Amino acid sequence: MDSYNHFKAEDFLENPSFRAWVYGKSSPAETDYWNQFLREYPQAEEAILEAKELLLTLVEPEVILSEEYIRERSRRILEHTKPLPIKRSFWRWGGSMAAVLVLAAGLGGWLIWKNQATLHQLPVSQSKSLIKDSKHWDEVINESQQSRLVLLPDGSSVVLQAQSQIAFPRKFEADKREVVLMGEAFFEIRKNPKQPFFVEANEVITRVTGTSFTIRAFEAADQVKVTVKTGTVAVFKKAQQEVSAQLVRPNQQATFERQNQKLSVSGSPLPELTVLEKEPFTFVRTPISKVFQVLEKNYGVKIKYDSELMRHCTLSAELGDKPVLEKLTLICAGIESTYEYQNGEVTIHSKGCH
């Protein structure tokens, strides 16, 4: 156990016994070992959870990877999943062996809603500013009839719907991430248990640490609705303490009646659940052209790539609720490519796949 004093995720990723335990293929003795390890070293929980999450994104974990390859890939993945800037190129995976293995294993929402103007939507230009601190906050106002991708300072992504607006600090505080929404948006929050994420929308606050969900909170609407796609969120009235929050799980919806100040949670089947909220972002030997089509349709971005050069590229991955830039990072790691994102357009640089 001395080798785990610093409790880095890559240390666990490199351990064959740990990988077998994560995939449910460990011996009884190994299972007992890791359960005992968790009890004796609670400070290792964060690193273990990070390592497990990365391993469980593999759709085909039975692919055998070399120890040297695991070590290098772990370092690169962990490096790439830090908060990302708006425009950035990523390290190119070298060697045909790495390309074949990552393509085989893969690494791990939603598409743009049709515009649904309702009587509850006021022209966003008539709404008040949501900014809490004009010196340190930014605001994005979507006056168009198309959805708009918004990237937050921590790497989380938001798809802001028509006639909606969102405000957020240019740099989140160390102990929390806070945004304010008016209208409708779909969130994919970068996981960080030490820095919970709060969305203030009308009289309701939604708290998460890393998950995906939709909030509908137009200024003139009678209700505020929070629909959860993945993970668990806590929803509570702004006037109350968080201890009074109601938990909302996948395929559940919290509804706050603004007139009588009543908050309730309903389960599946949800009548308002859309195709967008059902998108799994799971790919099994999927041609990369189709993968890019899914991303374009879901996030409203344009992806430029050489279709002829990349015609042999496929992806097996379960990308789930990862923010869009994390999805792109993992996809490009699997197809021996890099990408740049700027002004709603993604450019893929690749040498092709063999």
Protein backbone atom coordinates (compact mmCIF):
# COMPACT_ATOMS: atom_id res chain seq x y z
CA MET A 1 0.00 0.00 0.00
CA ASP A 2 3.00 2.30 0.30
CA SER A 3 2.83 2.96 -3.44
CA TYR A 4 -0.51 4.72 -2.93
CA ASN A 5 0.61 7.33 -0.42
CA HIS A 6 -0.17 10.17 -2.78
CA PHE A 7 -3.38 8.63 -4.09
CA LYS A 8 -3.18 9.65 -7.74
CA ALA A 9 -5.76 8.26 -10.16
CA GLU A 10 -3.09 7.10 -12.59
CA ASP A 11 -1.58 4.83 -9.91
CA PHE A 12 -4.83 2.88 -9.72
CA LEU A 13 -5.32 2.86 -13.48
CA GLU A 14 -1.98 1.11 -13.89
CA ASN A 15 -2.84 -1.67 -11.42
CA PRO A 16 -4.21 -4.87 -13.08
CA SER A 17 -5.86 -5.96 -9.83
CA PHE A 18 -7.66 -2.64 -9.53
CA ARG A 19 -8.88 -2.81 -13.15
CA ALA A 20 -10.17 -6.36 -12.58
CA TRP A 21 -12.00 -5.14 -9.46
CA VAL A 22 -13.61 -2.26 -11.33
CA TYR A 23 -14.76 -4.57 -14.14
CA GLY A 24 -16.14 -7.16 -11.68
CA LYS A 25 -13.56 -9.76 -12.72
CA SER A 26 -11.45 -9.85 -9.56
CA SER A 27 -10.94 -12.90 -7.37
CA PRO A 28 -12.60 -12.99 -3.92
CA ALA A 29 -9.24 -12.19 -2.35
CA GLU A 30 -8.74 -9.17 -4.61
CA THR A 31 -12.27 -7.95 -3.92
CA ASP A 32 -11.64 -8.20 -0.17
CA TYR A 33 -8.35 -6.36 -0.62
CA TRP A 34 -9.87 -3.35 -2.38
CA ASN A 35 -12.84 -3.15 -0.02
CA GLN A 36 -10.42 -3.18 2.92
CA PHE A 37 -8.25 -0.60 1.16
CA LEU A 38 -11.19 1.79 0.93
CA ARG A 39 -11.90 1.38 4.62
CA GLU A 40 -8.29 1.95 5.64
CA TYR A 41 -7.56 4.79 3.24
CA PRO A 42 -10.68 7.00 2.98
CA GLN A 43 -8.47 9.82 1.70
CA ALA A 44 -7.97 7.78 -1.49
CA GLU A 45 -11.68 7.85 -2.37
CA GLU A 46 -11.46 10.81 -4.77
CA ALA A 47 -8.58 9.30 -6.76
CA ILE A 48 -10.29 5.90 -6.83
CA LEU A 49 -13.57 7.39 -8.06
CA GLU A 50 -11.73 9.30 -10.80
CA ALA A 51 -9.89 6.16 -11.90
CA LYS A 52 -13.10 4.07 -11.85
CA GLU A 53 -14.96 6.66 -13.91
CA LEU A 54 -12.27 6.65 -16.59
CA LEU A 55 -12.17 2.85 -16.74
CA LEU A 56 -15.94 2.51 -16.86
CA THR A 57 -16.15 4.70 -19.95
CA LEU A 58 -14.65 1.75 -21.82
CA VAL A 59 -17.33 -0.06 -23.79
CA GLU A 60 -15.11 -3.08 -24.39
CA PRO A 61 -12.95 -3.50 -21.27
CA GLU A 62 -11.83 -6.97 -22.29
CA VAL A 63 -9.34 -5.43 -24.75
CA ILE A 64 -5.87 -6.16 -23.37
CA LEU A 65 -3.71 -3.08 -22.94
CA SER A 66 -0.02 -3.07 -22.09
CA GLU A 67 1.10 -1.65 -18.75
CA GLU A 68 3.27 0.91 -20.54
CA TYR A 69 0.35 1.97 -22.71
CA ILE A 70 -2.05 2.25 -19.74
CA ARG A 71 0.47 4.40 -17.88
CA GLU A 72 0.95 6.81 -20.77
CA ARG A 73 -2.75 6.96 -21.68
CA SER A 74 -3.71 7.60 -18.06
CA ARG A 75 -1.37 10.55 -17.84
CA ARG A 76 -2.64 12.02 -21.08
CA ILE A 77 -6.34 11.54 -20.27
CA LEU A 78 -6.00 13.10 -16.84
CA GLU A 79 -4.15 16.01 -18.37
CA HIS A 80 -6.83 16.54 -21.00
CA THR A 81 -9.80 16.44 -18.63
CA LYS A 82 -8.72 19.57 -16.75
CA PRO A 83 -10.72 22.79 -17.47
CA LEU A 84 -10.20 23.65 -21.12
CA PRO A 85 -9.86 26.97 -22.93
CA ILE A 86 -12.10 27.97 -25.80
CA LYS A 87 -9.48 27.16 -28.40
CA ARG A 88 -6.99 24.39 -27.92
CA SER A 89 -5.23 21.57 -29.77
CA PHE A 90 -4.67 18.25 -28.04
CA TRP A 91 -1.79 15.82 -27.98
CA ARG A 92 -1.75 13.37 -30.85
CA TRP A 93 -1.65 9.68 -29.99
CA GLY A 94 1.38 8.14 -31.65
CA GLY A 95 1.85 4.68 -33.10
CA SER A 96 -0.51 2.39 -34.93
CA MET A 97 -0.78 0.07 -31.89
CA ALA A 98 -2.16 2.88 -29.70
CA ALA A 99 -4.59 3.93 -32.40
CA VAL A 100 -5.94 0.40 -32.82
CA LEU A 101 -6.32 -0.19 -29.08
CA VAL A 102 -8.01 3.11 -28.31
CA LEU A 103 -10.35 2.71 -31.26
CA ALA A 104 -11.28 -0.76 -30.09
CA ALA A 105 -11.82 0.25 -26.49
CA GLY A 106 -13.22 3.75 -26.85
CA LEU A 107 -13.43 6.29 -24.07
CA GLY A 108 -16.18 7.93 -22.40
CA GLY A 109 -27.08 15.27 -23.85
CA TRP A 110 -28.39 15.62 -26.41
CA LEU A 111 -29.52 17.17 -29.74
CA ILE A 112 -31.00 20.59 -30.34
CA TRP A 113 -34.62 20.95 -29.42
CA LYS A 114 -37.01 22.28 -32.03
CA ASN A 115 -37.86 25.86 -31.24
CA GLN A 116 -40.97 25.93 -29.10
CA ALA A 117 -42.08 29.50 -28.63
CA THR A 118 -44.80 29.65 -26.01
CA LEU A 119 -46.94 32.29 -24.40
CA HIS A 120 -44.69 32.05 -21.36
CA GLN A 121 -41.63 33.29 -23.27
CA LEU A 122 -41.02 37.01 -23.24
CA PRO A 123 -38.58 38.53 -25.74
CA VAL A 124 -35.30 38.19 -23.91
CA SER A 125 -34.47 41.83 -24.67
CA GLN A 126 -37.30 42.79 -22.31
CA SER A 127 -35.87 40.79 -19.42
CA LYS A 128 -33.63 42.26 -16.75
CA SER A 129 -29.93 41.53 -16.53
CA LEU A 130 -29.01 38.52 -14.40
CA ILE A 131 -25.47 39.68 -13.64
CA LYS A 132 -24.70 39.87 -9.92
CA ASP A 133 -21.31 41.59 -10.27
CA SER A 134 -20.71 43.62 -13.41
CA LYS A 135 -16.94 43.63 -12.89
CA HIS A 136 -16.54 39.87 -12.59
CA TRP A 137 -19.56 38.31 -14.30
CA ASP A 138 -20.48 37.69 -17.93
CA GLU A 139 -23.92 37.24 -19.47
CA VAL A 140 -25.01 35.40 -22.62
CA ILE A 141 -28.35 36.40 -24.12
CA ASN A 142 -29.83 34.25 -26.87
CA GLU A 143 -32.27 36.42 -28.79
CA SER A 144 -32.30 34.07 -31.79
CA GLN A 145 -34.65 31.18 -32.51
CA GLN A 146 -31.76 28.70 -32.47
CA SER A 147 -30.08 27.07 -29.50
CA ARG A 148 -26.61 28.30 -28.56
CA LEU A 149 -23.67 26.46 -27.00
CA VAL A 150 -22.18 28.22 -23.96
CA LEU A 151 -18.92 27.07 -22.36
CA LEU A 152 -18.47 27.84 -18.67
CA PRO A 153 -15.13 28.68 -16.99
CA ASP A 154 -14.77 25.17 -15.49
CA GLY A 155 -15.30 23.33 -18.78
CA SER A 156 -19.00 22.59 -18.20
CA SER A 157 -21.25 23.09 -21.20
CA VAL A 158 -24.70 24.64 -21.52
CA VAL A 159 -27.05 24.56 -24.50
CA LEU A 160 -29.01 27.77 -24.14
CA GLN A 161 -32.39 27.68 -25.82
CA ALA A 162 -34.14 30.43 -27.78
CA GLN A 163 -35.14 33.56 -25.88
CA SER A 164 -33.07 32.57 -22.85
CA GLN A 165 -30.19 34.09 -20.93
CA ILE A 166 -27.53 32.92 -18.49
CA ALA A 167 -25.07 34.81 -16.29
CA PHE A 168 -21.95 33.40 -14.63
CA PRO A 169 -18.68 34.62 -13.05
CA ARG A 170 -15.59 34.75 -15.22
CA LYS A 171 -13.90 32.61 -12.57
CA PHE A 172 -15.78 30.37 -10.19
CA GLU A 173 -15.12 30.53 -6.46
CA ALA A 174 -12.96 27.81 -4.96
CA ASP A 175 -15.79 26.20 -2.98
CA LYS A 176 -18.74 26.61 -5.37
CA ARG A 177 -19.83 27.29 -8.94
CA GLU A 178 -22.85 29.55 -9.33
CA VAL A 179 -24.85 30.62 -12.39
CA VAL A 180 -28.19 32.37 -12.94
CA LEU A 181 -30.65 31.29 -15.64
CA MET A 182 -33.74 32.85 -17.14
CA GLY A 183 -35.41 30.69 -19.78
CA GLU A 184 -34.44 27.17 -20.80
CA ALA A 185 -31.09 25.40 -20.92
CA PHE A 186 -29.56 21.93 -20.85
CA PHE A 187 -26.53 21.53 -18.59
CA GLU A 188 -23.66 19.02 -18.64
CA ILE A 189 -21.64 19.76 -15.54
CA ARG A 190 -17.99 18.84 -15.12
CA LYS A 191 -17.69 16.59 -12.07
CA ASN A 192 -16.10 18.17 -8.99
CA PRO A 193 -17.50 17.06 -5.61
CA LYS A 194 -15.40 19.69 -3.84
CA GLN A 195 -16.96 22.52 -5.88
CA PRO A 196 -20.76 22.04 -6.09
CA PHE A 197 -22.63 23.69 -8.92
CA PHE A 198 -25.69 25.90 -8.27
CA VAL A 199 -28.24 27.18 -10.79
CA GLU A 200 -30.54 29.97 -9.63
CA ALA A 201 -33.68 30.12 -11.78
CA ASN A 202 -36.58 32.32 -10.65
CA GLU A 203 -37.42 31.21 -7.09
CA VAL A 204 -35.66 27.84 -7.38
CA ILE A 205 -32.07 26.72 -6.81
CA THR A 206 -30.69 23.49 -8.27
CA ARG A 207 -27.53 22.00 -6.75
CA VAL A 208 -25.32 19.36 -8.42
CA THR A 209 -21.71 18.20 -8.38
CA GLY A 210 -21.58 16.69 -11.86
CA THR A 211 -24.55 15.55 -13.91
CA SER A 212 -26.83 16.50 -16.81
CA PHE A 213 -30.25 18.11 -16.57
CA THR A 214 -32.64 20.62 -18.11
CA ILE A 215 -34.12 23.68 -16.43
CA ARG A 216 -37.15 25.50 -17.83
CA ALA A 217 -37.68 28.80 -16.00
CA PHE A 218 -39.08 31.54 -18.22
CA GLU A 219 -39.80 34.85 -16.56
CA ALA A 220 -43.55 34.81 -17.21
CA ALA A 221 -44.09 31.05 -16.80
CA ASP A 222 -46.26 29.70 -13.99
CA GLN A 223 -43.82 26.88 -13.27
CA VAL A 224 -40.12 26.12 -12.98
CA LYS A 225 -39.22 22.60 -14.14
CA VAL A 226 -36.00 20.65 -13.57
CA THR A 227 -35.68 17.42 -15.57
CA VAL A 228 -32.77 15.10 -14.74
CA LYS A 229 -31.03 13.04 -17.39
CA THR A 230 -28.11 11.60 -15.38
CA GLY A 231 -27.00 11.74 -11.76
CA THR A 232 -28.95 13.20 -8.88
CA VAL A 233 -29.75 16.87 -8.26
CA ALA A 234 -31.12 18.69 -5.24
CA VAL A 235 -33.86 21.25 -5.86
CA PHE A 236 -35.06 23.72 -3.25
CA LYS A 237 -36.78 27.07 -2.94
CA LYS A 238 -34.42 30.02 -2.78
CA ALA A 239 -36.11 31.27 0.39
CA GLN A 240 -35.39 28.00 2.20
CA GLN A 241 -32.29 26.17 3.38
CA GLU A 242 -30.71 23.43 1.29
CA VAL A 243 -31.63 20.87 3.97
CA SER A 244 -35.22 21.16 2.71
CA ALA A 245 -34.21 20.19 -0.82
CA GLN A 246 -35.94 17.43 -2.75
CA LEU A 247 -33.75 14.94 -4.59
CA VAL A 248 -34.45 14.40 -8.29
CA ARG A 249 -33.03 11.35 -10.03
CA PRO A 250 -32.72 10.27 -13.70
CA ASN A 251 -36.02 10.38 -15.60
CA GLN A 252 -37.62 12.40 -12.82
CA GLN A 253 -38.79 16.00 -12.89
CA ALA A 254 -39.14 18.60 -10.16
CA THR A 255 -41.93 21.12 -10.70
CA PHE A 256 -42.22 24.34 -8.72
CA GLU A 257 -45.65 26.03 -8.84
CA ARG A 258 -44.85 29.71 -8.55
CA GLN A 259 -48.34 30.76 -7.50
CA ASN A 260 -48.68 28.50 -4.46
CA GLN A 261 -44.93 28.03 -3.90
CA LYS A 262 -45.27 24.23 -4.02
CA LEU A 263 -42.40 21.98 -5.08
CA SER A 264 -43.07 18.39 -6.16
CA VAL A 265 -41.23 15.54 -7.89
CA SER A 266 -42.75 13.20 -10.47
CA GLY A 267 -41.26 10.02 -11.93
CA SER A 268 -41.19 8.34 -15.30
CA PRO A 269 -42.80 8.21 -17.71
CA LEU A 270 -42.44 11.95 -18.06
CA PRO A 271 -44.79 13.46 -20.65
CA GLU A 272 -42.34 16.23 -21.53
CA LEU A 273 -39.21 14.10 -21.87
CA THR A 274 -37.76 14.82 -25.30
CA VAL A 275 -35.46 12.93 -27.63
CA LEU A 276 -32.77 15.39 -26.60
CA GLU A 277 -32.95 14.30 -22.99
CA LYS A 278 -32.83 10.63 -24.03
CA GLU A 279 -29.67 10.84 -26.16
CA PRO A 280 -27.20 8.33 -24.58
CA PHE A 281 -24.03 9.30 -26.50
CA THR A 282 -23.11 5.61 -26.70
CA PHE A 283 -21.23 4.39 -29.77
CA VAL A 284 -20.25 0.84 -30.72
CA ARG A 285 -17.88 0.63 -33.71
CA THR A 286 -19.70 3.66 -35.07
CA PRO A 287 -18.26 5.39 -38.17
CA ILE A 288 -16.74 8.67 -37.10
CA SER A 289 -18.89 10.57 -39.61
CA LYS A 290 -22.00 9.46 -37.70
CA VAL A 291 -20.40 10.35 -34.37
CA PHE A 292 -19.76 13.87 -35.63
CA GLN A 293 -23.33 14.10 -36.95
CA VAL A 294 -24.65 13.31 -33.48
CA LEU A 295 -22.49 16.04 -31.94
CA GLU A 296 -23.49 18.60 -34.56
CA LYS A 297 -27.17 17.85 -34.10
CA ASN A 298 -26.97 17.85 -30.31
CA TYR A 299 -24.82 20.90 -29.69
CA GLY A 300 -25.51 23.07 -32.71
CA VAL A 301 -21.84 23.19 -33.67
CA LYS A 302 -20.25 22.75 -37.08
CA ILE A 303 -17.54 20.05 -37.29
CA LYS A 304 -15.05 20.34 -40.15
CA TYR A 305 -12.99 17.27 -41.04
CA ASP A 306 -11.61 15.38 -44.02
CA SER A 307 -14.28 12.71 -44.56
CA GLU A 308 -12.22 10.82 -47.15
CA LEU A 309 -9.10 10.72 -44.97
CA MET A 310 -11.10 9.57 -41.94
CA ARG A 311 -13.41 7.11 -43.70
CA HIS A 312 -11.94 4.13 -41.81
CA CYS A 313 -12.21 5.74 -38.37
CA THR A 314 -14.72 4.22 -35.95
CA LEU A 315 -15.45 4.75 -32.28
CA SER A 316 -16.62 2.51 -29.44
CA ALA A 317 -17.28 4.72 -26.44
CA GLU A 318 -19.80 5.59 -23.80
CA LEU A 319 -19.50 9.37 -23.43
CA GLY A 320 -22.63 9.91 -21.35
CA ASP A 321 -22.99 13.28 -19.65
CA LYS A 322 -19.47 14.59 -20.17
CA PRO A 323 -19.38 18.25 -21.28
CA VAL A 324 -18.90 18.75 -24.99
CA LEU A 325 -15.19 19.57 -24.89
CA GLU A 326 -14.49 16.47 -22.81
CA LYS A 327 -16.40 14.43 -25.38
CA LEU A 328 -14.28 15.90 -28.17
CA THR A 329 -11.08 15.28 -26.21
CA LEU A 330 -11.89 11.60 -25.70
CA ILE A 331 -13.10 11.11 -29.28
CA CYS A 332 -9.92 12.63 -30.69
CA ALA A 333 -7.77 10.56 -28.32
CA GLY A 334 -9.42 7.51 -29.85
CA ILE A 335 -8.91 8.42 -33.51
CA GLU A 336 -5.32 9.68 -33.47
CA SER A 337 -6.46 13.26 -34.01
CA THR A 338 -6.54 16.73 -32.51
CA TYR A 339 -9.21 19.44 -32.55
CA GLU A 340 -9.70 23.17 -32.25
CA TYR A 341 -12.90 24.88 -31.13
CA GLN A 342 -13.68 28.51 -31.87
CA ASN A 343 -16.91 30.47 -32.29
CA GLY A 344 -19.16 27.43 -32.46
CA GLU A 345 -17.01 25.59 -35.01
CA VAL A 346 -14.84 22.51 -34.45
CA THR A 347 -11.94 21.69 -36.74
CA ILE A 348 -10.55 18.15 -36.63
CA HIS A 349 -6.91 17.52 -37.63
CA SER A 350 -6.19 13.88 -38.40
CA LYS A 351 -3.81 11.56 -40.23
CA GLY A 352 -6.61 9.06 -40.74
CA CYS A 353 -7.16 5.60 -39.24
CA HIS A 354 -5.88 2.26 -40.47
